[in-house]
Amino acid sequence: MTLHQLSCFLSAVEHGSFSAAADALHMAQPSLSQQVRGLESELGVELFARVGRGLVLTDAGHAFRPHAERVVTAAEEAREAMVEVREVRAGSVSLGMFGNAPFYLLTELVERFRARHPGVRMRIVGQNSSEVADAVRAGEVEAAVLALPIDDTGLDVHPLMRDEILYVSADPRRTRGPVPIERFAEVPLIVYDARYGWEDPTRRQIMDRAQRAGVTLEPAIEIEDTYAALRMAARGLGDTFVASAVTLGSRFPRQLHTAPFDPPLHDTFAIVTRRGGSVSPATRELLDLGRERMAAFAERLASRAQTPDR
């Protein structure tokens, strides 16, 4: 039993003859008759009786009609639902994000997507890039924008942009020039992302450099929130580090000064999807908007890099 057979049956019911039904469906009359006969053969009953030059339903036809209508209606509703998803008119989209995404693109990304597709529900999840990478691998989210490095097992990674990691201190004497990792190991250190520790991609880069230089980094203070770490640094409780994007915000304490590391350190951001998988049309458009936003932000950072430290 096929949807085509059911559609032929219901058209014959509506028009009262095979020829009129065939015309309505833009088919040849013998083809439509064959579809109905095949349906009757499968059901083992006659659905129509001929009366003059027309058709009337048999008792079996009357009993079968509401079931056929429900199936065809459900199929049409399913098809329309898929059209809405394909054309990004309905449905939902889920995306993983690194913890500091609000500094780069999150609010503007959501605003632009919702303006274009108000009928699509959005779910933005994630905090630490390594954890979000696991969510992509497990199929909990379709894709993510993450900071590298991550474990890329089973993932496709498409780099987007870089942002420099800066040394931050309330003491302007410590930021008069590029800061080698050996000097960073000599000051009281405040680090954020306490839950993930040195699994955080930015902290992993710093730890790797310290180990290669033969020095040990032992934080004096570990805290979860980036701004909390910056406020403590502004009070002179220690020095920290942030991506340069964080320094653009109005919440960056005015008492703080920044300097590059020597040699420079960078966060690299990338779009991550499951290897060999596909993403929905809504997610694909959201990622395209993310690429545009990150490219614009990279230009802004490059422009700011030409200005002196505050």
Protein backbone atom coordinates (compact mmCIF):
# COMPACT_ATOMS: atom_id res chain seq x y z
CA MET A 1 0.00 0.00 0.00
CA THR A 2 1.47 3.34 -1.06
CA LEU A 3 0.59 6.99 -0.63
CA HIS A 4 0.14 7.18 -4.39
CA GLN A 5 -2.48 4.42 -4.30
CA LEU A 6 -4.30 6.16 -1.46
CA SER A 7 -4.25 9.48 -3.33
CA CYS A 8 -5.70 7.78 -6.44
CA PHE A 9 -8.42 6.16 -4.36
CA LEU A 10 -9.41 9.44 -2.66
CA SER A 11 -9.38 11.34 -5.96
CA ALA A 12 -11.73 8.74 -7.45
CA VAL A 13 -14.01 9.14 -4.41
CA GLU A 14 -14.01 12.92 -4.81
CA HIS A 15 -14.62 13.01 -8.57
CA GLY A 16 -16.86 9.96 -8.97
CA SER A 17 -14.97 8.46 -11.93
CA PHE A 18 -11.52 7.18 -12.80
CA SER A 19 -11.19 9.49 -15.80
CA ALA A 20 -12.02 12.66 -13.83
CA ALA A 21 -9.75 11.55 -10.99
CA ALA A 22 -6.92 10.91 -13.46
CA ASP A 23 -7.36 14.37 -14.98
CA ALA A 24 -7.20 15.97 -11.51
CA LEU A 25 -3.96 14.13 -10.76
CA HIS A 26 -2.51 14.72 -14.23
CA MET A 27 -2.34 10.99 -14.89
CA ALA A 28 -3.49 8.66 -17.62
CA GLN A 29 -6.80 7.00 -16.75
CA PRO A 30 -5.46 3.43 -17.20
CA SER A 31 -2.61 4.19 -14.76
CA LEU A 32 -4.98 5.46 -12.10
CA SER A 33 -7.29 2.46 -12.58
CA GLN A 34 -4.31 0.16 -12.18
CA GLN A 35 -3.33 1.85 -8.90
CA VAL A 36 -6.82 1.39 -7.49
CA ARG A 37 -7.01 -2.25 -8.63
CA GLY A 38 -3.63 -2.89 -6.98
CA LEU A 39 -4.95 -1.41 -3.75
CA GLU A 40 -8.10 -3.54 -3.90
CA SER A 41 -5.97 -6.64 -4.59
CA GLU A 42 -3.80 -5.96 -1.54
CA LEU A 43 -6.82 -5.33 0.70
CA GLY A 44 -8.75 -8.28 -0.72
CA VAL A 45 -11.96 -6.26 -1.20
CA GLU A 46 -13.64 -4.13 -3.85
CA LEU A 47 -13.70 -0.46 -2.94
CA PHE A 48 -15.92 0.79 -5.78
CA ALA A 49 -19.02 -0.39 -7.60
CA ARG A 50 -19.90 0.97 -11.05
CA VAL A 51 -23.27 2.70 -11.35
CA GLY A 52 -23.93 3.79 -14.90
CA ARG A 53 -20.85 5.73 -15.99
CA GLY A 54 -19.84 6.64 -12.46
CA LEU A 55 -18.43 5.09 -9.29
CA VAL A 56 -19.90 4.62 -5.84
CA LEU A 57 -18.18 3.31 -2.74
CA THR A 58 -18.89 -0.19 -1.53
CA ASP A 59 -19.33 -0.86 2.18
CA ALA A 60 -15.64 -1.74 2.28
CA GLY A 61 -14.84 1.52 0.50
CA HIS A 62 -16.84 3.52 3.03
CA ALA A 63 -15.00 1.81 5.90
CA PHE A 64 -11.61 2.34 4.27
CA ARG A 65 -12.06 6.00 3.30
CA PRO A 66 -11.48 7.70 6.71
CA HIS A 67 -8.30 5.67 7.25
CA ALA A 68 -6.97 6.66 3.84
CA GLU A 69 -7.79 10.32 4.51
CA ARG A 70 -5.95 10.26 7.85
CA VAL A 71 -2.83 8.72 6.29
CA VAL A 72 -2.72 11.13 3.36
CA THR A 73 -3.37 14.13 5.62
CA ALA A 74 -0.60 13.05 8.00
CA ALA A 75 1.80 12.64 5.08
CA GLU A 76 0.96 16.10 3.79
CA GLU A 77 1.46 17.62 7.24
CA ALA A 78 4.80 15.84 7.58
CA ARG A 79 5.89 17.11 4.17
CA GLU A 80 4.89 20.67 5.05
CA ALA A 81 6.73 20.43 8.37
CA MET A 82 9.89 19.41 6.52
CA VAL A 83 9.45 22.30 4.11
CA GLU A 84 9.30 24.67 7.09
CA VAL A 85 12.48 23.17 8.51
CA ARG A 86 14.23 23.20 5.14
CA GLU A 87 13.29 26.82 4.59
CA VAL A 88 14.16 27.66 8.23
CA ARG A 89 10.61 28.71 9.12
CA ALA A 90 10.18 26.40 12.11
CA GLY A 91 11.92 23.81 14.23
CA SER A 92 14.87 24.28 16.56
CA VAL A 93 18.61 24.70 16.40
CA SER A 94 21.24 23.80 18.99
CA LEU A 95 24.80 25.08 19.02
CA GLY A 96 27.70 24.64 21.40
CA MET A 97 29.80 27.65 22.43
CA PHE A 98 33.03 28.31 24.30
CA GLY A 99 32.68 30.05 27.64
CA ASN A 100 33.76 33.54 26.56
CA ALA A 101 31.52 33.60 23.49
CA PRO A 102 29.59 36.66 24.80
CA PHE A 103 32.75 38.73 24.29
CA TYR A 104 32.88 37.80 20.60
CA LEU A 105 29.59 37.00 18.94
CA LEU A 106 26.86 35.44 21.06
CA THR A 107 24.38 38.29 21.59
CA GLU A 108 24.66 39.69 18.06
CA LEU A 109 24.48 36.19 16.56
CA VAL A 110 21.25 35.34 18.38
CA GLU A 111 19.75 38.74 17.55
CA ARG A 112 20.46 38.44 13.81
CA PHE A 113 19.25 34.85 13.56
CA ARG A 114 16.02 35.57 15.45
CA ALA A 115 15.33 38.61 13.26
CA ARG A 116 15.50 36.39 10.17
CA HIS A 117 13.80 33.31 11.62
CA PRO A 118 11.47 34.18 14.53
CA GLY A 119 9.73 30.80 14.29
CA VAL A 120 12.89 28.79 15.03
CA ARG A 121 13.71 27.94 18.65
CA MET A 122 17.36 28.36 19.70
CA ARG A 123 19.40 26.42 22.26
CA ILE A 124 22.94 27.64 22.95
CA VAL A 125 24.87 25.39 25.32
CA GLY A 126 28.35 24.99 26.67
CA GLN A 127 31.02 26.49 28.83
CA ASN A 128 34.42 24.90 28.36
CA SER A 129 35.55 23.98 24.86
CA SER A 130 36.71 20.45 25.73
CA GLU A 131 33.33 19.66 27.28
CA VAL A 132 31.41 21.10 24.33
CA ALA A 133 33.56 19.06 21.92
CA ASP A 134 32.37 15.95 23.77
CA ALA A 135 28.76 17.11 23.31
CA VAL A 136 29.29 17.42 19.53
CA ARG A 137 30.86 13.96 19.44
CA ALA A 138 27.91 12.50 21.36
CA GLY A 139 25.34 14.15 19.07
CA GLU A 140 23.94 16.33 21.86
CA VAL A 141 24.50 19.42 19.69
CA GLU A 142 24.91 19.56 15.91
CA ALA A 143 27.91 21.86 15.86
CA ALA A 144 29.93 24.22 18.02
CA VAL A 145 32.23 27.23 17.96
CA LEU A 146 35.17 26.36 20.21
CA ALA A 147 38.62 27.45 21.30
CA LEU A 148 41.47 25.16 20.28
CA PRO A 149 43.21 22.88 21.08
CA ILE A 150 40.66 20.13 21.71
CA ASP A 151 40.57 16.37 21.26
CA ASP A 152 39.39 16.18 17.64
CA THR A 153 38.65 12.45 17.57
CA GLY A 154 35.59 11.97 15.34
CA LEU A 155 35.32 15.70 14.64
CA ASP A 156 35.87 18.01 11.68
CA VAL A 157 37.59 21.24 12.71
CA HIS A 158 37.38 24.44 10.62
CA PRO A 159 39.47 27.33 12.07
CA LEU A 160 37.85 30.77 12.05
CA MET A 161 40.09 33.36 13.68
CA ARG A 162 42.77 34.03 16.28
CA ASP A 163 42.78 36.38 19.24
CA GLU A 164 45.87 37.28 21.22
CA ILE A 165 46.13 36.29 24.88
CA LEU A 166 47.35 39.20 26.99
CA TYR A 167 49.08 39.44 30.34
CA VAL A 168 47.04 41.58 32.75
CA SER A 169 48.26 43.45 35.82
CA ALA A 170 47.33 46.42 37.97
CA ASP A 171 51.03 47.31 38.16
CA PRO A 172 51.99 49.28 35.03
CA ARG A 173 55.66 48.41 35.55
CA ARG A 174 54.91 44.76 34.78
CA THR A 175 53.38 45.60 31.38
CA ARG A 176 56.06 47.87 29.95
CA GLY A 177 57.06 45.25 27.43
CA PRO A 178 56.32 41.69 26.29
CA VAL A 179 56.19 39.25 29.19
CA PRO A 180 58.16 35.97 29.08
CA ILE A 181 56.59 32.97 30.78
CA GLU A 182 59.42 32.93 33.37
CA ARG A 183 58.29 36.33 34.68
CA PHE A 184 54.66 35.16 34.72
CA ALA A 185 55.71 32.33 37.07
CA GLU A 186 57.17 34.83 39.55
CA VAL A 187 53.97 36.78 40.35
CA PRO A 188 50.86 35.82 42.33
CA LEU A 189 48.64 34.25 39.67
CA ILE A 190 44.86 34.51 39.38
CA VAL A 191 43.24 32.08 36.94
CA TYR A 192 39.61 31.60 35.92
CA ASP A 193 37.74 28.48 34.69
CA ALA A 194 38.44 26.80 38.01
CA ARG A 195 36.10 23.90 37.28
CA TYR A 196 38.07 22.76 34.25
CA GLY A 197 41.53 23.66 35.50
CA TRP A 198 44.34 23.11 33.05
CA GLU A 199 41.99 21.30 30.65
CA ASP A 200 40.82 24.73 29.52
CA PRO A 201 42.40 25.34 26.06
CA THR A 202 43.90 28.74 26.96
CA ARG A 203 45.33 27.46 30.22
CA ARG A 204 46.71 24.39 28.43
CA GLN A 205 48.71 26.65 26.10
CA ILE A 206 50.15 28.60 29.03
CA MET A 207 50.96 25.43 30.97
CA ASP A 208 52.62 23.90 27.92
CA ARG A 209 54.85 26.95 27.51
CA ALA A 210 55.76 26.95 31.19
CA GLN A 211 56.68 23.26 31.11
CA ARG A 212 58.87 23.73 28.04
CA ALA A 213 60.60 26.63 29.83
CA GLY A 214 61.11 24.49 32.93
CA VAL A 215 59.04 26.69 35.25
CA THR A 216 56.06 25.87 37.45
CA LEU A 217 52.78 27.78 37.50
CA GLU A 218 50.94 27.55 40.83
CA PRO A 219 47.86 29.81 40.96
CA ALA A 220 47.39 31.81 44.12
CA ILE A 221 43.66 32.16 43.34
CA GLU A 222 41.43 30.03 41.10
CA ILE A 223 37.93 31.24 40.36
CA GLU A 224 35.26 30.41 37.79
CA ASP A 225 34.25 33.78 36.37
CA THR A 226 36.51 35.84 34.09
CA TYR A 227 35.29 39.20 35.38
CA ALA A 228 35.74 38.11 38.99
CA ALA A 229 39.37 37.30 38.20
CA LEU A 230 39.80 40.72 36.59
CA ARG A 231 38.25 42.54 39.57
CA MET A 232 40.63 40.74 41.91
CA ALA A 233 43.56 41.65 39.68
CA ALA A 234 42.39 45.28 39.73
CA ARG A 235 42.62 45.19 43.54
CA GLY A 236 46.22 44.03 43.33
CA LEU A 237 45.61 40.47 44.53
CA GLY A 238 47.57 39.02 41.61
CA ASP A 239 48.02 39.07 37.86
CA THR A 240 46.02 37.18 35.26
CA PHE A 241 45.56 36.77 31.51
CA VAL A 242 42.67 37.26 29.10
CA ALA A 243 41.98 37.24 25.38
CA SER A 244 42.20 40.74 23.93
CA ALA A 245 38.46 40.66 23.13
CA VAL A 246 37.73 40.82 26.85
CA THR A 247 39.57 44.12 27.15
CA LEU A 248 37.19 45.75 24.64
CA GLY A 249 34.23 45.59 26.98
CA SER A 250 33.14 48.41 29.26
CA ARG A 251 33.38 46.04 32.23
CA PHE A 252 37.15 45.69 31.86
CA PRO A 253 38.55 47.47 34.96
CA ARG A 254 40.24 50.76 34.13
CA GLN A 255 42.94 50.10 36.73
CA LEU A 256 44.35 47.21 34.69
CA HIS A 257 47.13 47.26 32.12
CA THR A 258 47.96 44.69 29.47
CA ALA A 259 50.98 43.44 27.58
CA PRO A 260 51.60 40.65 25.07
CA PHE A 261 53.44 37.49 26.03
CA ASP A 262 56.92 36.87 24.67
CA PRO A 263 56.57 35.16 22.25
CA PRO A 264 52.90 35.99 21.60
CA LEU A 265 50.16 33.54 22.58
CA HIS A 266 46.86 33.23 20.72
CA ASP A 267 43.48 31.60 21.17
CA THR A 268 42.32 29.97 17.92
CA PHE A 269 38.58 29.59 17.41
CA ALA A 270 37.01 27.03 15.11
CA ILE A 271 33.71 25.56 13.99
CA VAL A 272 33.46 21.90 14.97
CA THR A 273 31.05 19.28 13.57
CA ARG A 274 30.85 15.49 13.73
CA ARG A 275 33.12 13.89 11.15
CA GLY A 276 31.11 12.69 8.18
CA GLY A 277 27.87 14.08 9.62
CA SER A 278 25.51 16.74 8.33
CA VAL A 279 23.81 19.71 9.94
CA SER A 280 20.27 21.01 9.54
CA PRO A 281 19.53 24.03 7.33
CA ALA A 282 18.91 26.16 10.43
CA THR A 283 22.22 25.20 12.00
CA ARG A 284 24.02 25.73 8.70
CA GLU A 285 22.68 29.29 8.49
CA LEU A 286 23.52 29.96 12.13
CA LEU A 287 27.11 28.85 11.47
CA ASP A 288 27.28 31.08 8.40
CA LEU A 289 26.21 34.04 10.53
CA GLY A 290 28.83 33.02 13.10
CA ARG A 291 31.54 33.06 10.44
CA GLU A 292 30.50 36.55 9.35
CA ARG A 293 30.45 37.81 12.93
CA MET A 294 33.85 36.32 13.80
CA ALA A 295 35.40 37.75 10.62
CA ALA A 296 34.10 41.21 11.51
CA PHE A 297 35.37 40.84 15.06
CA ALA A 298 38.81 39.78 13.82
CA GLU A 299 38.97 43.01 11.80
CA ARG A 300 38.04 45.00 14.88
CA LEU A 301 40.76 43.33 16.92
CA ALA A 302 43.32 43.94 14.19
CA SER A 303 42.40 47.63 14.16
CA ARG A 304 42.65 47.89 17.93
CA ALA A 305 46.06 46.22 17.91
CA GLN A 306 47.39 49.36 16.20
CA THR A 307 46.49 51.53 19.22
CA PRO A 308 48.72 51.79 22.33
CA ASP A 309 47.89 50.07 25.60
CA ARG A 310 45.64 52.17 27.80
